[in-house]
């Protein structure tokens, strides 16, 4: 889904984080979902963003696996098609300095749910500090 200021994608593959082999597949899946949803577009160099990401993870023991901060960082790295690429590092690293607000959560996938995450990227109006 895309509105004037919001992009929402549901990435349906097991999330990976950090330097783990699954992380590259996760980054690629997130980037592909963004590209499929928005295609090529101009990104305002002064835009600021709010990112919301909610992970659906496999059950391992008594809680979902993975450190939330690592899952979030790996996901944001792949959002360059939505928020722009890092001017110093370039692809495949998104310009995470443009993210002013972050909301994230993780839980075990419920019966029948696909592993993955719902990602919402909202461009924030200038000077308000609030999403549109």
N, C-alpha and C. Protein backbone atom coordinates (compact mmCIF):
# COMPACT_ATOMS: atom_id res chain seq x y z
N UNK A 1 0.85 -1.17 0.00
CA UNK A 1 0.00 0.00 0.00
C UNK A 1 0.89 1.24 0.00
N UNK A 2 0.51 2.22 -0.78
CA UNK A 2 1.24 3.48 -0.82
C UNK A 2 0.22 4.61 -0.80
N UNK A 3 0.43 5.56 0.10
CA UNK A 3 -0.33 6.80 0.05
C UNK A 3 0.69 7.90 -0.22
N UNK A 4 0.26 9.14 -0.19
CA UNK A 4 1.19 10.22 -0.49
C UNK A 4 2.38 10.22 0.47
N UNK A 5 2.18 9.87 1.72
CA UNK A 5 3.25 9.95 2.71
C UNK A 5 3.55 8.64 3.43
N UNK A 6 2.84 7.56 3.10
CA UNK A 6 3.02 6.30 3.83
C UNK A 6 3.17 5.13 2.87
N UNK A 7 4.12 4.26 3.18
CA UNK A 7 4.34 3.02 2.45
C UNK A 7 4.18 1.88 3.46
N UNK A 8 3.38 0.88 3.12
CA UNK A 8 3.21 -0.28 4.00
C UNK A 8 3.49 -1.54 3.18
N UNK A 9 4.37 -2.39 3.69
CA UNK A 9 4.64 -3.67 3.05
C UNK A 9 4.58 -4.77 4.10
N UNK A 10 4.17 -5.95 3.66
CA UNK A 10 4.19 -7.13 4.51
C UNK A 10 5.20 -8.08 3.87
N UNK A 11 6.31 -8.28 4.55
CA UNK A 11 7.39 -9.12 4.04
C UNK A 11 7.18 -10.52 4.61
N UNK A 12 7.03 -11.51 3.73
CA UNK A 12 6.67 -12.85 4.18
C UNK A 12 7.81 -13.84 3.97
N UNK A 13 8.79 -13.73 4.84
CA UNK A 13 9.89 -14.68 4.92
C UNK A 13 10.48 -14.53 6.31
N UNK A 14 11.18 -15.55 6.79
CA UNK A 14 11.72 -15.47 8.16
C UNK A 14 12.76 -14.36 8.28
N UNK A 15 12.56 -13.43 9.22
CA UNK A 15 13.52 -12.34 9.40
C UNK A 15 14.88 -12.85 9.87
N UNK A 16 15.92 -12.19 9.40
CA UNK A 16 17.28 -12.47 9.83
C UNK A 16 17.90 -11.18 10.29
N UNK A 17 18.99 -11.27 11.06
CA UNK A 17 19.60 -10.06 11.62
C UNK A 17 21.11 -10.16 11.63
N UNK A 18 21.73 -8.98 11.63
CA UNK A 18 23.18 -8.90 11.79
C UNK A 18 23.93 -9.51 10.63
N UNK A 19 24.95 -10.31 10.95
CA UNK A 19 25.79 -10.93 9.93
C UNK A 19 25.39 -12.37 9.64
N UNK A 20 24.30 -12.83 10.24
CA UNK A 20 23.84 -14.21 10.02
C UNK A 20 23.50 -14.40 8.54
N UNK A 21 23.69 -15.61 8.01
CA UNK A 21 23.37 -15.85 6.59
C UNK A 21 21.93 -15.47 6.24
N UNK A 22 21.01 -15.66 7.17
CA UNK A 22 19.61 -15.33 6.90
C UNK A 22 19.40 -13.82 6.75
N UNK A 23 20.34 -13.02 7.26
CA UNK A 23 20.18 -11.57 7.20
C UNK A 23 20.22 -11.06 5.76
N UNK A 24 21.07 -11.61 4.92
CA UNK A 24 21.15 -11.17 3.53
C UNK A 24 19.84 -11.46 2.80
N UNK A 25 19.28 -12.64 3.05
CA UNK A 25 17.99 -12.98 2.44
C UNK A 25 16.89 -12.06 2.92
N UNK A 26 16.94 -11.71 4.22
CA UNK A 26 15.94 -10.81 4.78
C UNK A 26 16.06 -9.42 4.16
N UNK A 27 17.27 -8.89 4.11
CA UNK A 27 17.48 -7.56 3.49
C UNK A 27 16.96 -7.56 2.05
N UNK A 28 17.27 -8.61 1.31
CA UNK A 28 16.83 -8.69 -0.09
C UNK A 28 15.31 -8.74 -0.18
N UNK A 29 14.67 -9.48 0.71
CA UNK A 29 13.21 -9.59 0.69
C UNK A 29 12.55 -8.25 1.03
N UNK A 30 13.09 -7.53 2.01
CA UNK A 30 12.56 -6.22 2.39
C UNK A 30 12.73 -5.24 1.23
N UNK A 31 13.93 -5.19 0.66
CA UNK A 31 14.20 -4.28 -0.46
C UNK A 31 13.29 -4.59 -1.65
N UNK A 32 13.09 -5.87 -1.94
CA UNK A 32 12.22 -6.25 -3.06
C UNK A 32 10.78 -5.84 -2.80
N UNK A 33 10.31 -6.00 -1.57
CA UNK A 33 8.93 -5.60 -1.24
C UNK A 33 8.75 -4.10 -1.39
N UNK A 34 9.73 -3.33 -0.96
CA UNK A 34 9.67 -1.87 -1.12
C UNK A 34 9.69 -1.51 -2.60
N UNK A 35 10.62 -2.08 -3.36
CA UNK A 35 10.74 -1.77 -4.79
C UNK A 35 9.46 -2.15 -5.54
N UNK A 36 8.89 -3.29 -5.19
CA UNK A 36 7.65 -3.73 -5.85
C UNK A 36 6.49 -2.79 -5.54
N UNK A 37 6.50 -2.22 -4.34
CA UNK A 37 5.41 -1.34 -3.92
C UNK A 37 5.56 0.07 -4.46
N UNK A 38 6.77 0.62 -4.44
CA UNK A 38 6.94 2.02 -4.84
C UNK A 38 7.66 2.22 -6.17
N UNK A 39 8.39 1.22 -6.64
CA UNK A 39 9.14 1.38 -7.87
C UNK A 39 10.22 2.45 -7.72
N UNK A 40 10.69 2.96 -8.83
CA UNK A 40 11.67 4.05 -8.82
C UNK A 40 10.94 5.35 -8.52
N UNK A 41 11.45 6.14 -7.60
CA UNK A 41 10.81 7.41 -7.28
C UNK A 41 11.84 8.40 -6.76
N UNK A 42 11.51 9.66 -6.89
CA UNK A 42 12.35 10.71 -6.33
C UNK A 42 12.13 10.77 -4.82
N UNK A 43 13.20 10.88 -4.07
CA UNK A 43 13.10 10.99 -2.62
C UNK A 43 13.63 12.35 -2.21
N UNK A 44 12.80 13.10 -1.52
CA UNK A 44 13.16 14.44 -1.06
C UNK A 44 14.36 14.34 -0.12
N UNK A 45 15.43 15.03 -0.46
CA UNK A 45 16.67 14.96 0.33
C UNK A 45 16.50 15.47 1.75
N UNK A 46 15.48 16.28 2.01
CA UNK A 46 15.26 16.83 3.35
C UNK A 46 14.19 16.11 4.14
N UNK A 47 13.61 15.07 3.57
CA UNK A 47 12.51 14.37 4.24
C UNK A 47 13.00 13.62 5.48
N UNK A 48 12.11 13.54 6.48
CA UNK A 48 12.36 12.80 7.73
C UNK A 48 11.29 11.72 7.83
N UNK A 49 11.59 10.62 8.53
CA UNK A 49 10.69 9.47 8.52
C UNK A 49 10.43 8.89 9.90
N UNK A 50 9.25 8.26 9.98
CA UNK A 50 8.91 7.38 11.09
C UNK A 50 8.84 5.98 10.51
N UNK A 51 9.46 5.03 11.20
CA UNK A 51 9.43 3.63 10.79
C UNK A 51 8.72 2.83 11.87
N UNK A 52 7.75 2.01 11.45
CA UNK A 52 7.11 1.05 12.35
C UNK A 52 7.35 -0.33 11.76
N UNK A 53 7.80 -1.26 12.59
CA UNK A 53 8.03 -2.62 12.11
C UNK A 53 7.63 -3.60 13.21
N UNK A 54 6.82 -4.57 12.82
CA UNK A 54 6.33 -5.60 13.75
C UNK A 54 6.68 -6.96 13.17
N UNK A 55 7.52 -7.69 13.89
CA UNK A 55 8.03 -8.97 13.42
C UNK A 55 7.17 -10.13 13.90
N UNK A 56 6.98 -11.12 13.00
CA UNK A 56 6.34 -12.40 13.31
C UNK A 56 7.43 -13.47 13.19
N UNK A 57 7.79 -14.06 14.33
CA UNK A 57 8.95 -14.93 14.40
C UNK A 57 8.57 -16.35 14.78
N UNK A 58 9.45 -17.33 14.48
CA UNK A 58 9.17 -18.71 14.88
C UNK A 58 9.28 -18.86 16.39
N UNK A 59 8.58 -19.85 16.91
CA UNK A 59 8.66 -20.12 18.34
C UNK A 59 9.91 -20.93 18.62
N UNK A 60 10.68 -20.46 19.58
CA UNK A 60 11.87 -21.18 20.03
C UNK A 60 11.95 -20.99 21.54
N UNK A 61 11.64 -22.03 22.25
CA UNK A 61 11.60 -21.90 23.71
C UNK A 61 10.35 -21.15 24.13
N UNK A 62 10.48 -20.25 25.09
CA UNK A 62 9.30 -19.57 25.62
C UNK A 62 9.14 -18.14 25.10
N UNK A 63 9.93 -17.75 24.09
CA UNK A 63 9.77 -16.41 23.51
C UNK A 63 10.27 -16.41 22.08
N UNK A 64 9.86 -15.41 21.29
CA UNK A 64 10.39 -15.35 19.92
C UNK A 64 11.88 -15.06 19.94
N UNK A 65 12.64 -15.63 19.00
CA UNK A 65 14.09 -15.46 18.98
C UNK A 65 14.50 -14.11 18.42
N UNK A 66 15.72 -13.75 18.66
CA UNK A 66 16.30 -12.57 18.03
C UNK A 66 16.25 -11.35 18.91
N UNK A 67 17.30 -10.56 18.81
CA UNK A 67 17.36 -9.28 19.51
C UNK A 67 16.63 -8.26 18.65
N UNK A 68 15.67 -7.59 19.23
CA UNK A 68 14.84 -6.65 18.48
C UNK A 68 15.69 -5.58 17.81
N UNK A 69 16.70 -5.05 18.50
CA UNK A 69 17.53 -4.00 17.89
C UNK A 69 18.26 -4.49 16.64
N UNK A 70 18.73 -5.74 16.63
CA UNK A 70 19.40 -6.29 15.45
C UNK A 70 18.42 -6.50 14.31
N UNK A 71 17.23 -6.99 14.62
CA UNK A 71 16.21 -7.18 13.59
C UNK A 71 15.83 -5.85 12.95
N UNK A 72 15.66 -4.82 13.79
CA UNK A 72 15.29 -3.49 13.29
C UNK A 72 16.41 -2.91 12.42
N UNK A 73 17.64 -2.98 12.88
CA UNK A 73 18.76 -2.40 12.12
C UNK A 73 18.90 -3.06 10.75
N UNK A 74 18.76 -4.38 10.71
CA UNK A 74 18.86 -5.10 9.44
C UNK A 74 17.73 -4.70 8.50
N UNK A 75 16.55 -4.50 9.06
CA UNK A 75 15.39 -4.10 8.25
C UNK A 75 15.57 -2.69 7.70
N UNK A 76 15.97 -1.76 8.56
CA UNK A 76 16.15 -0.37 8.11
C UNK A 76 17.22 -0.28 7.03
N UNK A 77 18.28 -1.10 7.12
CA UNK A 77 19.31 -1.11 6.08
C UNK A 77 18.72 -1.31 4.69
N UNK A 78 17.62 -2.04 4.61
CA UNK A 78 17.02 -2.41 3.32
C UNK A 78 15.96 -1.42 2.83
N UNK A 79 15.73 -0.33 3.55
CA UNK A 79 14.64 0.59 3.21
C UNK A 79 15.07 1.76 2.31
N UNK A 80 16.22 1.67 1.68
CA UNK A 80 16.71 2.76 0.84
C UNK A 80 15.75 3.17 -0.26
N UNK A 81 14.99 2.22 -0.81
CA UNK A 81 14.03 2.55 -1.84
C UNK A 81 12.90 3.43 -1.34
N UNK A 82 12.72 3.47 -0.02
CA UNK A 82 11.66 4.28 0.59
C UNK A 82 12.21 5.56 1.21
N UNK A 83 13.40 5.51 1.83
CA UNK A 83 13.91 6.68 2.56
C UNK A 83 15.20 7.25 1.98
N UNK A 84 15.76 6.62 0.96
CA UNK A 84 16.99 7.08 0.35
C UNK A 84 18.18 6.25 0.84
N UNK A 85 19.23 6.24 0.02
CA UNK A 85 20.43 5.47 0.34
C UNK A 85 21.44 6.34 1.08
N UNK A 86 22.22 5.74 1.94
CA UNK A 86 23.23 6.45 2.72
C UNK A 86 24.24 7.10 1.77
N UNK A 87 24.45 8.41 1.88
CA UNK A 87 25.35 9.08 0.95
C UNK A 87 26.81 8.62 1.07
N UNK A 88 27.23 8.17 2.23
CA UNK A 88 28.61 7.72 2.42
C UNK A 88 28.80 6.25 2.08
N UNK A 89 27.83 5.41 2.44
CA UNK A 89 27.98 3.96 2.26
C UNK A 89 27.25 3.44 1.03
N UNK A 90 26.22 4.15 0.56
CA UNK A 90 25.48 3.72 -0.62
C UNK A 90 24.76 2.41 -0.42
N UNK A 91 24.30 1.84 -1.52
CA UNK A 91 23.60 0.55 -1.46
C UNK A 91 24.54 -0.49 -0.86
N UNK A 92 24.08 -1.38 -0.07
CA UNK A 92 22.70 -1.65 0.30
C UNK A 92 22.29 -1.02 1.62
N UNK A 93 22.85 0.11 1.98
CA UNK A 93 22.56 0.72 3.28
C UNK A 93 21.69 1.96 3.11
N UNK A 94 20.51 1.92 3.75
CA UNK A 94 19.60 3.06 3.71
C UNK A 94 20.17 4.20 4.56
N UNK A 95 19.69 5.39 4.31
CA UNK A 95 20.14 6.58 5.05
C UNK A 95 19.36 6.65 6.37
N UNK A 96 19.76 5.84 7.35
CA UNK A 96 19.02 5.75 8.61
C UNK A 96 19.10 7.02 9.45
N UNK A 97 19.97 7.97 9.09
CA UNK A 97 20.02 9.25 9.80
C UNK A 97 18.74 10.05 9.56
N UNK A 98 17.95 9.67 8.56
CA UNK A 98 16.69 10.35 8.26
C UNK A 98 15.53 9.86 9.12
N UNK A 99 15.77 8.81 9.91
CA UNK A 99 14.71 8.24 10.76
C UNK A 99 14.70 8.97 12.09
N UNK A 100 13.59 9.67 12.37
CA UNK A 100 13.45 10.44 13.60
C UNK A 100 12.60 9.73 14.64
N UNK A 101 11.79 8.78 14.22
CA UNK A 101 10.93 8.06 15.16
C UNK A 101 10.87 6.61 14.74
N UNK A 102 10.93 5.71 15.74
CA UNK A 102 10.94 4.28 15.48
C UNK A 102 10.01 3.58 16.47
N UNK A 103 9.15 2.71 15.94
CA UNK A 103 8.28 1.89 16.77
C UNK A 103 8.49 0.46 16.29
N UNK A 104 8.77 -0.47 17.20
CA UNK A 104 9.04 -1.84 16.78
C UNK A 104 8.54 -2.83 17.83
N UNK A 105 8.23 -4.02 17.36
CA UNK A 105 7.81 -5.09 18.26
C UNK A 105 8.06 -6.44 17.62
N UNK A 106 8.06 -7.48 18.43
CA UNK A 106 8.21 -8.84 17.92
C UNK A 106 7.31 -9.76 18.73
N UNK A 107 6.86 -10.80 18.05
CA UNK A 107 6.06 -11.82 18.72
C UNK A 107 6.19 -13.11 17.93
N UNK A 108 5.79 -14.19 18.58
CA UNK A 108 5.75 -15.48 17.91
C UNK A 108 4.59 -15.50 16.93
N UNK A 109 4.83 -15.99 15.71
CA UNK A 109 3.76 -16.11 14.72
C UNK A 109 2.68 -17.04 15.27
N UNK A 110 1.45 -16.65 15.08
CA UNK A 110 0.32 -17.45 15.55
C UNK A 110 -0.05 -18.49 14.49
N UNK A 111 -0.77 -19.52 14.89
CA UNK A 111 -1.14 -20.61 13.99
C UNK A 111 -1.59 -20.13 12.62
N UNK A 112 -0.90 -20.59 11.58
CA UNK A 112 -1.27 -20.24 10.22
C UNK A 112 -0.65 -18.95 9.70
N UNK A 113 -0.08 -18.15 10.56
CA UNK A 113 0.56 -16.91 10.09
C UNK A 113 1.90 -17.20 9.43
N UNK A 114 2.22 -16.41 8.43
CA UNK A 114 3.51 -16.50 7.77
C UNK A 114 4.54 -15.72 8.58
N UNK A 115 5.75 -16.27 8.68
CA UNK A 115 6.83 -15.54 9.34
C UNK A 115 7.16 -14.31 8.51
N UNK A 116 7.62 -13.25 9.16
CA UNK A 116 7.97 -12.05 8.43
C UNK A 116 7.77 -10.81 9.27
N UNK A 117 7.35 -9.72 8.60
CA UNK A 117 7.13 -8.46 9.30
C UNK A 117 6.23 -7.54 8.48
N UNK A 118 5.50 -6.70 9.18
CA UNK A 118 4.76 -5.59 8.58
C UNK A 118 5.61 -4.35 8.80
N UNK A 119 5.92 -3.64 7.73
CA UNK A 119 6.77 -2.45 7.79
C UNK A 119 5.97 -1.26 7.27
N UNK A 120 5.95 -0.20 8.05
CA UNK A 120 5.27 1.05 7.66
C UNK A 120 6.30 2.18 7.71
N UNK A 121 6.43 2.88 6.59
CA UNK A 121 7.35 4.02 6.49
C UNK A 121 6.49 5.25 6.24
N UNK A 122 6.57 6.23 7.14
CA UNK A 122 5.76 7.44 7.03
C UNK A 122 6.67 8.65 6.96
N UNK A 123 6.48 9.45 5.90
CA UNK A 123 7.22 10.71 5.79
C UNK A 123 6.59 11.70 6.75
N UNK A 124 7.43 12.34 7.56
CA UNK A 124 6.94 13.28 8.56
C UNK A 124 6.92 14.69 7.98
N UNK A 125 5.82 15.43 8.20
CA UNK A 125 5.79 16.82 7.70
C UNK A 125 6.90 17.65 8.35
N UNK A 126 7.46 18.52 7.59
CA UNK A 126 8.55 19.35 8.09
C UNK A 126 8.13 20.19 9.28
N UNK A 127 8.99 20.21 10.29
CA UNK A 127 8.80 21.09 11.43
C UNK A 127 7.79 20.64 12.46
N UNK A 128 7.10 19.51 12.23
CA UNK A 128 6.08 19.10 13.20
C UNK A 128 6.58 18.03 14.14
N UNK A 129 7.52 17.20 13.67
CA UNK A 129 7.95 16.08 14.47
C UNK A 129 6.90 15.00 14.60
N UNK A 130 5.84 15.09 13.76
CA UNK A 130 4.76 14.09 13.79
C UNK A 130 4.52 13.56 12.40
N UNK A 131 4.13 12.27 12.30
CA UNK A 131 3.79 11.73 10.99
C UNK A 131 2.58 12.45 10.42
N UNK A 132 2.50 12.45 9.10
CA UNK A 132 1.36 13.09 8.42
C UNK A 132 0.07 12.37 8.74
